[in-house]
Amino acid sequence: MEQVKLPFRADIVGSFLRPERLKKARKDFESGLLSPAALQQIEDEEIEKLIAEQKVVGLQVITDGEFRRSWWHLDFFWGLGGIEKKAVGQGYVFHNLETRPESVKVTGKITGYNHPMIAHFRFIQKLAGQAIPKQTIPSPAQLLAELIREGNMDETLKVYGRIDGLLEDIAQAYRQVISGFAAAGCRYLQFDDCTWGMLCDEKFRCNPQVNAEEMALLFARINEMALNSRPEGMTITMHVCRGNYHSAWASWGGYEPVAETLFDLPVDAFFLEFDDERSGGFEPLRFIQNQTVVLGLIKNAALEDKQKVKNRIAEASQYVPLERLCLSPQCGFASTEEGNKLTEKQQWNKIRLMLKIAHSVWKNK
């Protein structure tokens, strides 16, 4: 079989708006009104509809829209051995918004055997047809950041007295999960990572309690450890996110402070947000090595001007050759089940516009 070039010229980050039927089912499940089997049946049916729509609009890549998750990251963490769900005093703070107050707690040795999302991947793989199914998971650095954040560090240290032991187990757990996905037939895996977005933020970097350079090296180290012995034939990419909760953002700043460390990571491509002034200019792309860069230039709600997006792609090509550039939305459409502030019609119109622009720029190459 001919090797498909990934990412595609028009690609997606992963999440889609949850249908109202699915939102209601999740609420009924949480209230005890719906059984696990009944919830799964509704999830299956809505994912089937979503995949069919992705094919109809012309996407070559499909995801399950993260329809089985409440969060883009926490649900994955809760599926690891040695980690449980917990309530916290405060949620994540975004620009003018605060999320639900949920997090993770370490209860024992962290492992990645038999992760439930491997079964989720098998389900969409059966429906893929000629499309390529992509699996999205939070990065190892994102788990590390969650475990050592304020309010979690003490609990983590009760189980792991040494940071090296914690790093080793996180990396091994991820290698187990990645191996499981590979065995299930996955050849397109994406790490989602907000840690780098925070490290770009000047307010965060100026915090006297933060050593941003040391954190960057630590996050790079854990990501690299997890990618040791990566499966042959699997494309692994990283989406660098700046926070995306109900169309609110969490961090502001260009990639320059982290570019050399970030772009040295052993991944095949970077999905990078460049949709507005919060992301800075394209100059940091000069540190890109042989990776593909997927430009996140499609934002939420209002449709972009086609020519302006093409002009931005041309600007980026001054630093990365056009043949190593692709186009995507700036982020997913629903990093959490709340979703962003746009309609499903607007969501699909954004995808159609992206596909038209990509065809115009690359002529389906």
Protein backbone atom coordinates (compact mmCIF):
# COMPACT_ATOMS: atom_id res chain seq x y z
CA MET A 1 0.00 0.00 0.00
CA GLU A 2 1.29 3.46 -0.91
CA GLN A 3 2.34 5.50 2.13
CA VAL A 4 -0.04 8.43 2.69
CA LYS A 5 1.67 11.74 3.39
CA LEU A 6 0.57 13.03 6.80
CA PRO A 7 -0.57 15.55 7.89
CA PHE A 8 -2.89 16.38 5.01
CA ARG A 9 -2.79 19.79 3.31
CA ALA A 10 -6.19 20.44 4.91
CA ASP A 11 -6.22 18.80 8.32
CA ILE A 12 -8.11 19.09 11.60
CA VAL A 13 -7.06 19.38 15.22
CA GLY A 14 -9.62 16.85 16.39
CA SER A 15 -12.62 17.94 18.44
CA PHE A 16 -16.07 18.85 17.10
CA LEU A 17 -19.14 20.44 18.67
CA ARG A 18 -21.16 17.92 20.67
CA PRO A 19 -24.72 17.39 19.38
CA GLU A 20 -27.48 18.27 21.83
CA ARG A 21 -28.58 14.64 21.96
CA LEU A 22 -25.11 13.66 23.18
CA LYS A 23 -24.97 16.48 25.73
CA LYS A 24 -28.33 15.40 27.16
CA ALA A 25 -27.22 11.78 27.29
CA ARG A 26 -24.11 12.68 29.26
CA LYS A 27 -26.16 14.69 31.75
CA ASP A 28 -28.63 11.83 32.11
CA PHE A 29 -25.75 9.42 32.66
CA GLU A 30 -24.22 11.63 35.35
CA SER A 31 -27.64 11.84 37.03
CA GLY A 32 -28.06 8.08 37.00
CA LEU A 33 -30.89 8.18 34.48
CA LEU A 34 -28.92 6.44 31.72
CA SER A 35 -26.90 3.24 31.91
CA PRO A 36 -23.28 3.03 30.65
CA ALA A 37 -24.44 0.78 27.80
CA ALA A 38 -27.17 3.23 26.76
CA LEU A 39 -24.72 6.14 26.82
CA GLN A 40 -22.25 4.20 24.69
CA GLN A 41 -24.96 3.39 22.17
CA ILE A 42 -25.76 7.09 21.76
CA GLU A 43 -22.06 7.94 21.53
CA ASP A 44 -21.60 5.29 18.83
CA GLU A 45 -24.53 6.61 16.80
CA GLU A 46 -23.43 10.25 17.03
CA ILE A 47 -19.83 9.38 16.13
CA GLU A 48 -21.06 7.46 13.09
CA LYS A 49 -22.98 10.57 11.98
CA LEU A 50 -19.95 12.78 12.59
CA ILE A 51 -17.62 10.57 10.56
CA ALA A 52 -20.12 10.45 7.71
CA GLU A 53 -20.26 14.27 7.70
CA GLN A 54 -16.47 14.56 7.75
CA LYS A 55 -16.35 12.40 4.63
CA VAL A 56 -19.16 14.33 2.92
CA VAL A 57 -17.35 17.68 3.27
CA GLY A 58 -14.22 16.12 1.78
CA LEU A 59 -11.85 15.58 4.70
CA GLN A 60 -9.22 12.89 4.17
CA VAL A 61 -8.68 12.58 7.92
CA ILE A 62 -11.33 11.70 10.49
CA THR A 63 -11.62 11.72 14.27
CA ASP A 64 -14.37 10.75 16.68
CA GLY A 65 -14.69 14.44 17.56
CA GLU A 66 -13.66 13.50 21.13
CA PHE A 67 -17.37 12.72 21.63
CA ARG A 68 -16.64 10.20 24.37
CA ARG A 69 -14.79 12.82 26.44
CA SER A 70 -15.79 15.65 28.70
CA TRP A 71 -12.29 17.18 28.55
CA TRP A 72 -9.64 17.05 25.85
CA HIS A 73 -7.06 15.87 28.39
CA LEU A 74 -8.47 14.78 31.77
CA ASP A 75 -10.52 11.86 30.43
CA PHE A 76 -7.34 10.39 28.97
CA PHE A 77 -5.48 10.84 32.26
CA TRP A 78 -8.32 9.20 34.19
CA GLY A 79 -7.93 6.15 31.93
CA LEU A 80 -4.35 5.54 33.06
CA GLY A 81 -3.54 3.13 35.87
CA GLY A 82 -2.68 4.82 39.16
CA ILE A 83 -4.65 8.01 38.42
CA GLU A 84 -8.14 8.94 39.60
CA LYS A 85 -10.53 11.82 39.05
CA LYS A 86 -10.83 14.42 41.79
CA ALA A 87 -12.60 17.70 42.48
CA VAL A 88 -10.49 20.80 43.16
CA GLY A 89 -11.18 24.20 44.67
CA GLN A 90 -10.68 26.13 41.46
CA GLY A 91 -10.88 25.29 37.77
CA TYR A 92 -8.48 26.44 35.07
CA VAL A 93 -8.54 30.21 34.69
CA PHE A 94 -9.11 31.55 31.18
CA HIS A 95 -9.62 35.09 29.93
CA ASN A 96 -12.80 36.12 31.81
CA LEU A 97 -13.81 32.47 32.40
CA GLU A 98 -13.15 29.62 34.80
CA THR A 99 -13.68 25.95 33.95
CA ARG A 100 -15.28 23.18 35.94
CA PRO A 101 -13.09 22.36 38.99
CA GLU A 102 -11.78 18.90 38.12
CA SER A 103 -8.30 17.39 38.03
CA VAL A 104 -6.31 14.22 38.73
CA LYS A 105 -4.92 12.41 41.75
CA VAL A 106 -2.09 9.88 41.80
CA THR A 107 -3.07 6.78 43.79
CA GLY A 108 -0.30 4.40 42.75
CA LYS A 109 2.21 3.54 40.05
CA ILE A 110 1.20 5.16 36.76
CA THR A 111 0.69 2.65 33.95
CA GLY A 112 -0.77 2.65 30.45
CA TYR A 113 -1.96 -0.91 29.97
CA ASN A 114 -5.34 -1.48 28.29
CA HIS A 115 -6.23 2.19 28.01
CA PRO A 116 -9.96 2.57 27.16
CA MET A 117 -9.25 4.97 24.29
CA ILE A 118 -7.67 2.14 22.29
CA ALA A 119 -11.15 0.63 22.00
CA HIS A 120 -12.42 4.06 20.98
CA PHE A 121 -9.87 4.11 18.16
CA ARG A 122 -10.86 0.66 16.96
CA PHE A 123 -14.45 1.87 16.62
CA ILE A 124 -13.59 4.75 14.28
CA GLN A 125 -11.10 2.66 12.36
CA LYS A 126 -13.93 0.33 11.32
CA LEU A 127 -15.78 3.33 9.90
CA ALA A 128 -12.82 5.05 8.22
CA GLY A 129 -13.04 3.59 4.72
CA GLN A 130 -10.57 5.52 2.54
CA ALA A 131 -10.07 8.20 5.21
CA ILE A 132 -7.24 8.08 7.74
CA PRO A 133 -8.38 7.92 11.39
CA LYS A 134 -6.41 10.20 13.71
CA GLN A 135 -6.16 9.64 17.45
CA THR A 136 -5.63 12.68 19.68
CA ILE A 137 -4.28 12.46 23.22
CA PRO A 138 -2.77 14.99 25.63
CA SER A 139 1.02 15.06 25.66
CA PRO A 140 3.19 13.49 28.39
CA ALA A 141 4.26 17.01 29.38
CA GLN A 142 0.60 17.92 29.91
CA LEU A 143 0.20 15.06 32.37
CA LEU A 144 3.37 16.07 34.19
CA ALA A 145 2.15 19.66 34.40
CA GLU A 146 -1.19 18.50 35.82
CA LEU A 147 0.47 16.31 38.44
CA ILE A 148 2.80 19.04 39.70
CA ARG A 149 0.38 21.97 39.52
CA GLU A 150 -0.56 23.78 42.72
CA GLY A 151 -2.88 21.57 44.77
CA ASN A 152 -1.62 18.34 43.20
CA MET A 153 2.10 18.37 43.93
CA ASP A 154 1.86 17.17 47.54
CA GLU A 155 -0.35 14.21 46.59
CA THR A 156 2.00 13.30 43.75
CA LEU A 157 5.04 13.41 46.02
CA LYS A 158 3.35 11.07 48.52
CA VAL A 159 3.46 8.39 45.83
CA TYR A 160 6.58 9.54 43.98
CA GLY A 161 9.29 10.89 46.23
CA ARG A 162 11.62 11.45 43.25
CA ILE A 163 10.86 13.44 40.13
CA ASP A 164 12.97 11.03 38.07
CA GLY A 165 10.77 8.12 39.13
CA LEU A 166 7.67 10.09 38.13
CA LEU A 167 9.17 10.93 34.73
CA GLU A 168 10.14 7.33 34.10
CA ASP A 169 6.66 6.01 34.89
CA ILE A 170 4.87 8.69 32.83
CA ALA A 171 7.12 7.94 29.87
CA GLN A 172 6.65 4.19 30.23
CA ALA A 173 2.88 4.56 30.54
CA TYR A 174 2.79 6.59 27.33
CA ARG A 175 4.97 4.07 25.53
CA GLN A 176 2.49 1.38 26.60
CA VAL A 177 -0.45 3.43 25.31
CA ILE A 178 1.28 4.29 22.03
CA SER A 179 2.16 0.63 21.53
CA GLY A 180 -1.48 -0.26 22.15
CA PHE A 181 -2.67 2.21 19.53
CA ALA A 182 -0.10 0.89 17.06
CA ALA A 183 -1.26 -2.69 17.64
CA ALA A 184 -4.82 -1.52 16.97
CA GLY A 185 -3.71 -0.14 13.59
CA CYS A 186 -3.25 3.54 14.42
CA ARG A 187 -0.70 5.31 12.22
CA TYR A 188 -1.65 8.93 12.91
CA LEU A 189 -1.29 10.07 16.52
CA GLN A 190 -1.43 13.65 17.81
CA PHE A 191 -0.18 15.02 21.12
CA ASP A 192 -2.13 18.06 22.33
CA ASP A 193 -0.05 20.31 24.57
CA CYS A 194 -0.88 23.58 26.36
CA THR A 195 2.37 23.70 28.33
CA TRP A 196 4.27 25.39 25.51
CA GLY A 197 1.54 27.97 25.05
CA MET A 198 1.86 28.94 28.72
CA LEU A 199 5.66 29.12 28.42
CA CYS A 200 5.19 31.68 25.62
CA ASP A 201 3.14 33.96 27.87
CA GLU A 202 5.17 36.88 29.22
CA LYS A 203 3.05 37.20 32.38
CA PHE A 204 3.68 33.54 33.17
CA ARG A 205 7.39 33.84 32.40
CA CYS A 206 7.73 36.90 34.64
CA ASN A 207 6.32 35.09 37.66
CA PRO A 208 9.19 34.98 40.18
CA GLN A 209 8.14 31.46 41.19
CA VAL A 210 8.55 30.20 37.62
CA ASN A 211 11.80 29.21 35.91
CA ALA A 212 10.50 29.02 32.36
CA GLU A 213 13.76 27.75 30.84
CA GLU A 214 13.98 24.85 33.30
CA MET A 215 10.31 24.01 32.75
CA ALA A 216 10.79 23.98 28.97
CA LEU A 217 13.70 21.56 29.27
CA LEU A 218 11.70 19.36 31.66
CA PHE A 219 8.67 19.25 29.37
CA ALA A 220 10.88 18.52 26.36
CA ARG A 221 12.60 15.74 28.29
CA ILE A 222 9.40 13.93 29.25
CA ASN A 223 8.01 14.18 25.71
CA GLU A 224 11.26 12.79 24.29
CA MET A 225 11.34 9.95 26.84
CA ALA A 226 7.82 8.91 25.89
CA LEU A 227 8.76 8.80 22.21
CA ASN A 228 11.64 6.39 22.70
CA SER A 229 11.02 3.22 20.68
CA ARG A 230 8.15 4.84 18.79
CA PRO A 231 6.35 2.42 16.46
CA GLU A 232 7.55 2.23 12.89
CA GLY A 233 5.11 3.67 10.36
CA MET A 234 3.26 5.89 12.84
CA THR A 235 3.12 9.63 12.20
CA ILE A 236 3.23 11.53 15.49
CA THR A 237 2.42 15.24 15.59
CA MET A 238 2.04 17.89 18.28
CA HIS A 239 -0.63 20.56 18.55
CA VAL A 240 0.53 23.52 20.62
CA CYS A 241 -2.54 25.10 22.20
CA ARG A 242 -2.96 28.43 23.97
CA GLY A 243 -6.13 27.43 25.77
CA ASN A 244 -9.54 27.04 24.21
CA TYR A 245 -12.53 26.91 26.55
CA HIS A 246 -15.92 28.11 25.30
CA SER A 247 -14.05 30.42 22.86
CA ALA A 248 -11.95 31.88 25.71
CA TRP A 249 -8.15 31.82 25.75
CA ALA A 250 -5.54 31.25 28.45
CA SER A 251 -2.16 32.47 27.17
CA TRP A 252 -0.70 35.21 24.96
CA GLY A 253 2.68 35.43 23.29
CA GLY A 254 4.71 34.41 20.23
CA TYR A 255 6.73 31.21 19.97
CA GLU A 256 10.14 32.89 20.14
CA PRO A 257 10.89 32.09 23.84
CA VAL A 258 10.43 28.33 23.32
CA ALA A 259 11.09 27.85 19.60
CA GLU A 260 14.56 26.29 19.77
CA THR A 261 13.56 23.77 22.45
CA LEU A 262 10.06 23.07 21.12
CA PHE A 263 11.03 22.57 17.50
CA ASP A 264 13.79 20.16 18.50
CA LEU A 265 11.20 17.61 19.68
CA PRO A 266 11.21 14.32 17.72
CA VAL A 267 7.76 14.67 16.15
CA ASP A 268 6.85 14.68 12.48
CA ALA A 269 4.78 17.86 12.43
CA PHE A 270 3.60 20.75 14.56
CA PHE A 271 0.05 22.11 14.56
CA LEU A 272 0.64 25.76 15.52
CA GLU A 273 -1.91 28.47 16.23
CA PHE A 274 -1.36 31.58 14.12
CA ASP A 275 -4.90 32.91 13.97
CA ASP A 276 -4.42 36.30 15.66
CA GLU A 277 -1.95 38.62 17.39
CA ARG A 278 -1.77 36.36 20.46
CA SER A 279 0.40 33.94 18.48
CA GLY A 280 2.97 36.48 17.29
CA GLY A 281 4.68 36.38 13.91
CA PHE A 282 6.10 33.58 11.81
CA GLU A 283 9.75 34.42 12.55
CA PRO A 284 10.19 31.61 15.14
CA LEU A 285 9.55 29.10 12.35
CA ARG A 286 13.17 29.66 11.32
CA PHE A 287 14.02 27.07 13.99
CA ILE A 288 11.87 24.38 12.37
CA GLN A 289 14.04 21.52 11.17
CA ASN A 290 12.60 18.87 8.85
CA GLN A 291 9.11 18.85 10.32
CA THR A 292 5.89 19.83 8.61
CA VAL A 293 4.09 22.88 10.02
CA VAL A 294 0.29 22.93 10.04
CA LEU A 295 -0.79 26.55 10.21
CA GLY A 296 -3.80 27.10 12.47
CA LEU A 297 -5.25 30.06 10.59
CA ILE A 298 -8.97 29.21 10.69
CA LYS A 299 -10.65 30.59 13.82
CA ASN A 300 -14.18 30.39 15.22
CA ALA A 301 -17.57 31.72 14.02
CA ALA A 302 -17.10 34.32 11.25
CA LEU A 303 -15.66 33.06 7.97
CA GLU A 304 -12.17 34.26 7.08
CA ASP A 305 -11.31 36.08 3.89
CA LYS A 306 -9.88 33.46 1.54
CA GLN A 307 -7.20 35.71 0.09
CA LYS A 308 -6.03 36.91 3.50
CA VAL A 309 -5.50 33.32 4.61
CA LYS A 310 -3.56 32.59 1.40
CA ASN A 311 -1.42 35.68 2.07
CA ARG A 312 -0.64 34.40 5.56
CA ILE A 313 0.42 31.03 4.13
CA ALA A 314 2.71 32.88 1.73
CA GLU A 315 4.23 34.79 4.66
CA ALA A 316 4.92 31.57 6.53
CA SER A 317 6.56 30.08 3.43
CA GLN A 318 9.39 32.60 3.88
CA TYR A 319 10.52 30.44 6.82
CA VAL A 320 9.26 26.95 5.94
CA PRO A 321 8.99 25.76 2.32
CA LEU A 322 5.44 25.61 0.99
CA GLU A 323 5.74 21.86 0.46
CA ARG A 324 6.15 21.45 4.24
CA LEU A 325 3.18 23.64 5.15
CA CYS A 326 -0.44 22.63 5.69
CA LEU A 327 -3.62 24.34 6.91
CA SER A 328 -6.00 23.62 9.80
CA PRO A 329 -8.37 25.27 12.24
CA GLN A 330 -6.58 27.11 15.04
CA CYS A 331 -7.78 24.49 17.54
CA GLY A 332 -10.56 21.99 17.92
CA PHE A 333 -14.15 23.20 17.92
CA ALA A 334 -14.87 21.80 21.40
CA SER A 335 -11.88 21.15 23.62
CA THR A 336 -14.43 20.43 26.33
CA GLU A 337 -18.01 19.25 26.04
CA GLU A 338 -19.25 22.84 26.47
CA GLY A 339 -17.95 23.65 22.99
CA ASN A 340 -16.99 26.95 21.40
CA LYS A 341 -19.35 29.79 20.55
CA LEU A 342 -20.44 28.86 17.05
CA THR A 343 -23.11 26.71 15.46
CA GLU A 344 -22.66 23.34 13.81
CA LYS A 345 -23.43 25.00 10.47
CA GLN A 346 -20.64 27.52 11.05
CA GLN A 347 -18.30 24.68 12.07
CA TRP A 348 -18.81 22.84 8.79
CA ASN A 349 -18.61 26.05 6.75
CA LYS A 350 -15.19 26.66 8.32
CA ILE A 351 -14.08 23.18 7.26
CA ARG A 352 -15.34 23.71 3.71
CA LEU A 353 -13.52 27.05 3.48
CA MET A 354 -10.30 25.46 4.72
CA LEU A 355 -10.55 22.71 2.10
CA LYS A 356 -11.11 25.27 -0.68
CA ILE A 357 -8.12 27.33 0.40
CA ALA A 358 -5.88 24.27 0.65
CA HIS A 359 -6.94 23.11 -2.82
CA SER A 360 -6.22 26.57 -4.22
CA VAL A 361 -2.75 26.75 -2.64
CA TRP A 362 -1.51 23.18 -3.09
CA LYS A 363 -3.74 21.85 -5.89
CA ASN A 364 -4.42 18.67 -3.87
CA LYS A 365 -0.73 17.80 -3.58
